[in-house]
Amino acid sequence: MLRADGRSLDQLRPITVSYDAYGYADASVLLELGSTKVLCAVSLQPGVPSFLKGTKTGWLKAEYAMLPAATHERTQREACATARSGRSVEISRLIGRSLRAMVNMGVIGERTVVVDCDVLQADGGTRTACITAASLALAKANERWFAQNLIARSALTEPIVGVSVGVKEQQALLDLSFQEDSSVDADFNVVFTKSGTIIELQGTAEGQPVSWQTFEAVWKVASTGASTLFDLFEQKKRINEPKVEQNQRAPLFSLSNRGTL
């Protein structure tokens, strides 16, 4: 099958990651995945929800939102709406669940990690892009908290990434653009840990039901995408991050269109 942008079935879109887009957050990451652009910031705040008070255990919560002009047609800013959209609430919970799996809350103490995820431009895969960007931002924030003696040791267990996969004509396609996502028979979102375990698996058939054989192809393509991301981040981890002025963006690396992964 020939994809609209010429990619192979198991090929990610070009990736660019930049640290410290925000000057005041403990850490932030701008992730560009093709034309999708998401900005995730991490902050550490005192206090925990009432059900955790007195437990010496921390908490993590995430908030997901799209800028009004992030899509082809402007959407209403949620702050001006009477209530948050069900989609934003569901994705916020997904991001929070995923990130809590990579944090040892006992190390945080009775404080709350707040992760703000804003979609600057949406072209498919925004929720999985936010999970990946937030994971990178959380890792950087963790380093800084330790350096500032805010935590006694690393609070992280292992990195995580999110990937999206679609099914069209019984073939699995990695990292869907909006054009592809709007025409597939089924779509999946998978959140992986670096050790290969699964935090979240979401899948819905919107056209034809998915056979077990096709699901195995989905799994293979998703695993390939996750492995590619982890390998890329590990390779670039050794690159010294350049110092940045407040409110300036420092590109960490860029992954241009590659051959078959």
Protein backbone atom coordinates (compact mmCIF):
# COMPACT_ATOMS: atom_id res chain seq x y z
CA MET A 1 0.00 0.00 0.00
CA LEU A 2 1.29 3.46 -0.93
CA ARG A 3 0.78 6.01 1.82
CA ALA A 4 -0.12 9.59 0.99
CA ASP A 5 3.24 10.94 2.16
CA GLY A 6 5.29 8.09 0.68
CA ARG A 7 6.21 6.47 3.99
CA SER A 8 6.48 2.72 4.43
CA LEU A 9 3.86 1.02 6.59
CA ASP A 10 6.12 0.92 9.67
CA GLN A 11 7.76 4.33 9.30
CA LEU A 12 7.37 7.26 11.69
CA ARG A 13 6.92 10.79 10.48
CA PRO A 14 9.88 13.19 10.88
CA ILE A 15 10.46 14.01 14.56
CA THR A 16 11.90 17.10 16.21
CA VAL A 17 12.25 17.49 19.98
CA SER A 18 13.11 20.76 21.72
CA TYR A 19 13.63 21.32 25.45
CA ASP A 20 12.67 24.31 27.59
CA ALA A 21 10.16 26.04 25.37
CA TYR A 22 8.77 27.42 28.65
CA GLY A 23 11.12 29.41 30.83
CA TYR A 24 9.29 28.91 34.11
CA ALA A 25 8.22 25.25 34.15
CA ASP A 26 10.55 22.74 35.81
CA ALA A 27 10.96 21.22 32.34
CA SER A 28 9.14 21.37 29.04
CA VAL A 29 9.34 19.65 25.68
CA LEU A 30 8.05 20.70 22.29
CA LEU A 31 7.61 17.63 20.12
CA GLU A 32 6.93 17.91 16.42
CA LEU A 33 5.78 14.71 14.73
CA GLY A 34 5.22 15.52 11.11
CA SER A 35 2.78 18.43 11.19
CA THR A 36 1.56 17.57 14.70
CA LYS A 37 3.07 19.86 17.32
CA VAL A 38 2.56 19.40 21.05
CA LEU A 39 4.03 21.26 24.01
CA CYS A 40 4.25 19.53 27.40
CA ALA A 41 5.39 21.21 30.62
CA VAL A 42 6.08 19.64 34.02
CA SER A 43 5.76 21.39 37.39
CA LEU A 44 6.07 20.17 40.98
CA GLN A 45 3.54 21.62 43.41
CA PRO A 46 3.01 21.16 47.16
CA GLY A 47 0.09 19.09 48.38
CA VAL A 48 -1.80 16.01 47.20
CA PRO A 49 -5.47 15.05 46.75
CA SER A 50 -7.35 14.44 49.98
CA PHE A 51 -7.24 10.65 49.61
CA LEU A 52 -3.42 10.76 49.78
CA LYS A 53 -2.97 13.15 52.71
CA GLY A 54 -0.86 11.65 55.46
CA THR A 55 0.44 8.82 53.25
CA LYS A 56 3.80 10.45 52.36
CA THR A 57 2.96 9.56 48.77
CA GLY A 58 2.83 11.91 45.82
CA TRP A 59 0.48 12.21 42.88
CA LEU A 60 0.64 13.06 39.19
CA LYS A 61 -2.09 14.64 37.12
CA ALA A 62 -2.19 15.69 33.49
CA GLU A 63 -4.22 18.23 31.57
CA TYR A 64 -4.67 18.05 27.79
CA ALA A 65 -6.06 20.82 25.62
CA MET A 66 -5.98 21.98 22.02
CA LEU A 67 -5.40 25.57 21.03
CA PRO A 68 -8.38 27.01 19.16
CA ALA A 69 -6.43 27.26 15.90
CA ALA A 70 -4.77 23.84 16.23
CA THR A 71 -7.16 22.30 13.70
CA HIS A 72 -8.31 23.23 10.19
CA GLU A 73 -11.44 24.81 11.60
CA ARG A 74 -11.11 26.89 14.75
CA THR A 75 -12.57 25.32 17.87
CA GLN A 76 -13.86 27.13 20.94
CA ARG A 77 -11.32 27.67 23.68
CA GLU A 78 -12.28 25.31 26.51
CA ALA A 79 -11.74 28.00 29.13
CA CYS A 80 -14.63 29.86 27.49
CA ALA A 81 -16.90 26.82 27.37
CA THR A 82 -19.31 25.80 30.10
CA ALA A 83 -17.49 22.48 30.52
CA ARG A 84 -14.44 20.66 29.21
CA SER A 85 -15.04 18.36 26.27
CA GLY A 86 -15.33 14.65 27.00
CA ARG A 87 -12.45 14.04 24.58
CA SER A 88 -10.07 16.32 26.48
CA VAL A 89 -11.02 14.75 29.81
CA GLU A 90 -10.52 11.22 28.47
CA ILE A 91 -7.13 12.05 26.94
CA SER A 92 -6.02 13.86 30.11
CA ARG A 93 -6.77 10.73 32.09
CA LEU A 94 -4.92 8.56 29.57
CA ILE A 95 -1.81 10.74 29.82
CA GLY A 96 -1.98 10.80 33.62
CA ARG A 97 -2.39 7.01 33.89
CA SER A 98 0.50 6.43 31.52
CA LEU A 99 2.89 8.79 33.30
CA ARG A 100 2.02 7.53 36.80
CA ALA A 101 3.28 4.12 35.69
CA MET A 102 6.79 5.55 35.28
CA VAL A 103 6.96 7.40 38.61
CA ASN A 104 7.75 6.12 42.11
CA MET A 105 5.30 8.29 44.01
CA GLY A 106 6.93 7.55 47.35
CA VAL A 107 10.03 9.45 46.26
CA ILE A 108 7.98 12.55 45.44
CA GLY A 109 6.51 12.81 48.92
CA GLU A 110 3.24 14.65 49.46
CA ARG A 111 3.57 16.78 46.35
CA THR A 112 1.82 16.74 43.00
CA VAL A 113 3.47 16.55 39.60
CA VAL A 114 1.38 18.57 37.17
CA VAL A 115 1.79 17.89 33.45
CA ASP A 116 0.28 20.42 31.05
CA CYS A 117 -0.08 19.21 27.47
CA ASP A 118 -1.13 21.69 24.80
CA VAL A 119 -1.67 20.81 21.16
CA LEU A 120 -0.35 23.65 19.03
CA GLN A 121 -1.17 21.96 15.74
CA ALA A 122 -3.08 18.72 15.21
CA ASP A 123 -2.39 16.36 12.34
CA GLY A 124 -3.09 13.00 13.93
CA GLY A 125 -1.53 11.19 16.90
CA THR A 126 -1.81 14.06 19.38
CA ARG A 127 -2.46 11.90 22.45
CA THR A 128 0.46 9.55 21.84
CA ALA A 129 2.70 12.49 20.93
CA CYS A 130 1.77 14.13 24.24
CA ILE A 131 2.61 10.96 26.17
CA THR A 132 6.03 10.76 24.54
CA ALA A 133 6.76 14.47 24.98
CA ALA A 134 5.58 14.42 28.59
CA SER A 135 7.78 11.42 29.34
CA LEU A 136 10.83 13.29 28.04
CA ALA A 137 9.90 16.43 29.98
CA LEU A 138 9.32 14.41 33.14
CA ALA A 139 12.76 12.80 32.81
CA LYS A 140 14.40 16.22 32.50
CA ALA A 141 12.41 17.60 35.44
CA ASN A 142 13.41 14.57 37.52
CA GLU A 143 17.10 15.32 36.86
CA ARG A 144 16.63 18.92 37.98
CA TRP A 145 14.65 18.02 41.10
CA PHE A 146 17.44 15.69 42.16
CA ALA A 147 20.12 18.31 41.44
CA GLN A 148 18.16 20.81 43.54
CA ASN A 149 17.76 18.30 46.42
CA LEU A 150 13.99 18.32 46.03
CA ILE A 151 14.06 14.52 45.87
CA ALA A 152 16.53 12.12 47.50
CA ARG A 153 16.86 9.87 44.47
CA SER A 154 15.38 9.45 41.02
CA ALA A 155 11.62 9.15 41.09
CA LEU A 156 11.40 7.47 37.69
CA THR A 157 11.23 3.76 36.97
CA GLU A 158 11.68 3.65 33.19
CA PRO A 159 10.83 5.78 30.14
CA ILE A 160 7.61 5.38 28.19
CA VAL A 161 6.45 6.27 24.68
CA GLY A 162 3.12 6.23 22.89
CA VAL A 163 2.49 5.19 19.28
CA SER A 164 -0.59 5.15 17.07
CA VAL A 165 -1.43 2.50 14.49
CA GLY A 166 -4.27 2.30 11.99
CA VAL A 167 -5.69 -0.53 9.93
CA LYS A 168 -6.71 -0.06 6.33
CA GLU A 169 -7.45 -2.89 3.92
CA GLN A 170 -6.20 -5.29 6.63
CA GLN A 171 -2.77 -3.63 6.68
CA ALA A 172 -1.25 -1.93 9.73
CA LEU A 173 0.03 1.64 9.33
CA LEU A 174 2.28 3.27 11.93
CA ASP A 175 1.86 6.87 13.08
CA LEU A 176 -1.26 8.07 11.28
CA SER A 177 -1.67 11.56 9.92
CA PHE A 178 -5.12 13.15 10.13
CA GLN A 179 -5.76 12.32 6.48
CA GLU A 180 -5.00 8.66 7.12
CA ASP A 181 -6.80 8.54 10.46
CA SER A 182 -10.04 9.78 8.91
CA SER A 183 -10.15 6.90 6.44
CA VAL A 184 -8.90 3.82 8.33
CA ASP A 185 -11.05 0.85 9.33
CA ALA A 186 -9.61 0.73 12.86
CA ASP A 187 -7.16 2.66 14.98
CA PHE A 188 -5.05 1.78 18.00
CA ASN A 189 -3.01 3.66 20.60
CA VAL A 190 -0.34 1.77 22.52
CA VAL A 191 1.80 3.00 25.42
CA PHE A 192 5.01 1.04 25.95
CA THR A 193 7.64 1.01 28.68
CA LYS A 194 11.26 0.73 27.62
CA SER A 195 11.39 -2.85 28.91
CA GLY A 196 8.60 -3.76 26.50
CA THR A 197 5.67 -3.98 28.89
CA ILE A 198 2.34 -2.35 28.10
CA ILE A 199 0.69 0.44 30.06
CA GLU A 200 -2.25 1.11 27.80
CA LEU A 201 -3.77 -0.48 24.71
CA GLN A 202 -6.73 1.23 23.06
CA GLY A 203 -8.34 -0.01 19.88
CA THR A 204 -11.56 0.55 17.98
CA ALA A 205 -12.84 -0.83 14.69
CA GLU A 206 -14.79 1.84 12.88
CA GLY A 207 -15.23 -0.02 9.61
CA GLN A 208 -14.53 -3.71 9.29
CA PRO A 209 -13.75 -5.87 12.34
CA VAL A 210 -10.08 -6.63 12.87
CA SER A 211 -8.93 -10.23 12.52
CA TRP A 212 -6.43 -11.72 14.94
CA GLN A 213 -3.90 -11.94 12.12
CA THR A 214 -4.30 -8.23 11.44
CA PHE A 215 -4.02 -7.44 15.15
CA GLU A 216 -0.70 -9.28 15.22
CA ALA A 217 0.45 -7.01 12.38
CA VAL A 218 -0.72 -4.00 14.42
CA TRP A 219 1.29 -5.25 17.38
CA LYS A 220 4.41 -5.75 15.27
CA VAL A 221 4.19 -2.27 13.75
CA ALA A 222 3.51 -0.65 17.14
CA SER A 223 6.49 -2.45 18.69
CA THR A 224 8.69 -1.32 15.81
CA GLY A 225 7.64 2.28 16.31
CA ALA A 226 8.22 2.17 20.06
CA SER A 227 11.64 0.54 19.66
CA THR A 228 12.63 3.18 17.13
CA LEU A 229 11.69 5.98 19.53
CA PHE A 230 13.50 4.42 22.49
CA ASP A 231 16.62 3.77 20.39
CA LEU A 232 16.58 7.32 19.08
CA PHE A 233 16.20 8.88 22.52
CA GLU A 234 18.95 6.64 23.93
CA GLN A 235 21.34 7.61 21.12
CA LYS A 236 20.71 11.29 21.67
CA LYS A 237 20.85 11.05 25.47
CA ARG A 238 24.63 11.29 25.30
CA ILE A 239 24.50 14.60 23.47
CA ASN A 240 25.06 17.44 25.89
CA GLU A 241 22.01 19.65 25.99
CA PRO A 242 22.99 23.24 25.11
CA LYS A 243 22.32 25.90 27.67
CA VAL A 244 19.30 28.01 26.84
CA GLU A 245 18.24 31.49 27.73
CA GLN A 246 14.88 31.86 29.42
CA ASN A 247 12.03 31.52 26.89
CA GLN A 248 14.40 30.32 24.17
CA ARG A 249 14.01 26.94 22.53
CA ALA A 250 16.92 24.52 22.27
CA PRO A 251 16.49 21.82 19.59
CA LEU A 252 17.73 18.51 20.95
CA PHE A 253 17.58 16.51 17.75
CA SER A 254 15.68 15.96 14.55
CA LEU A 255 14.73 12.72 12.85
CA SER A 256 14.13 13.37 9.17
CA ASN A 257 12.21 11.01 6.90
CA ARG A 258 14.05 7.70 6.97
CA GLY A 259 13.81 4.47 5.07
CA THR A 260 12.01 1.42 6.36
CA LEU A 261 12.43 1.17 10.13
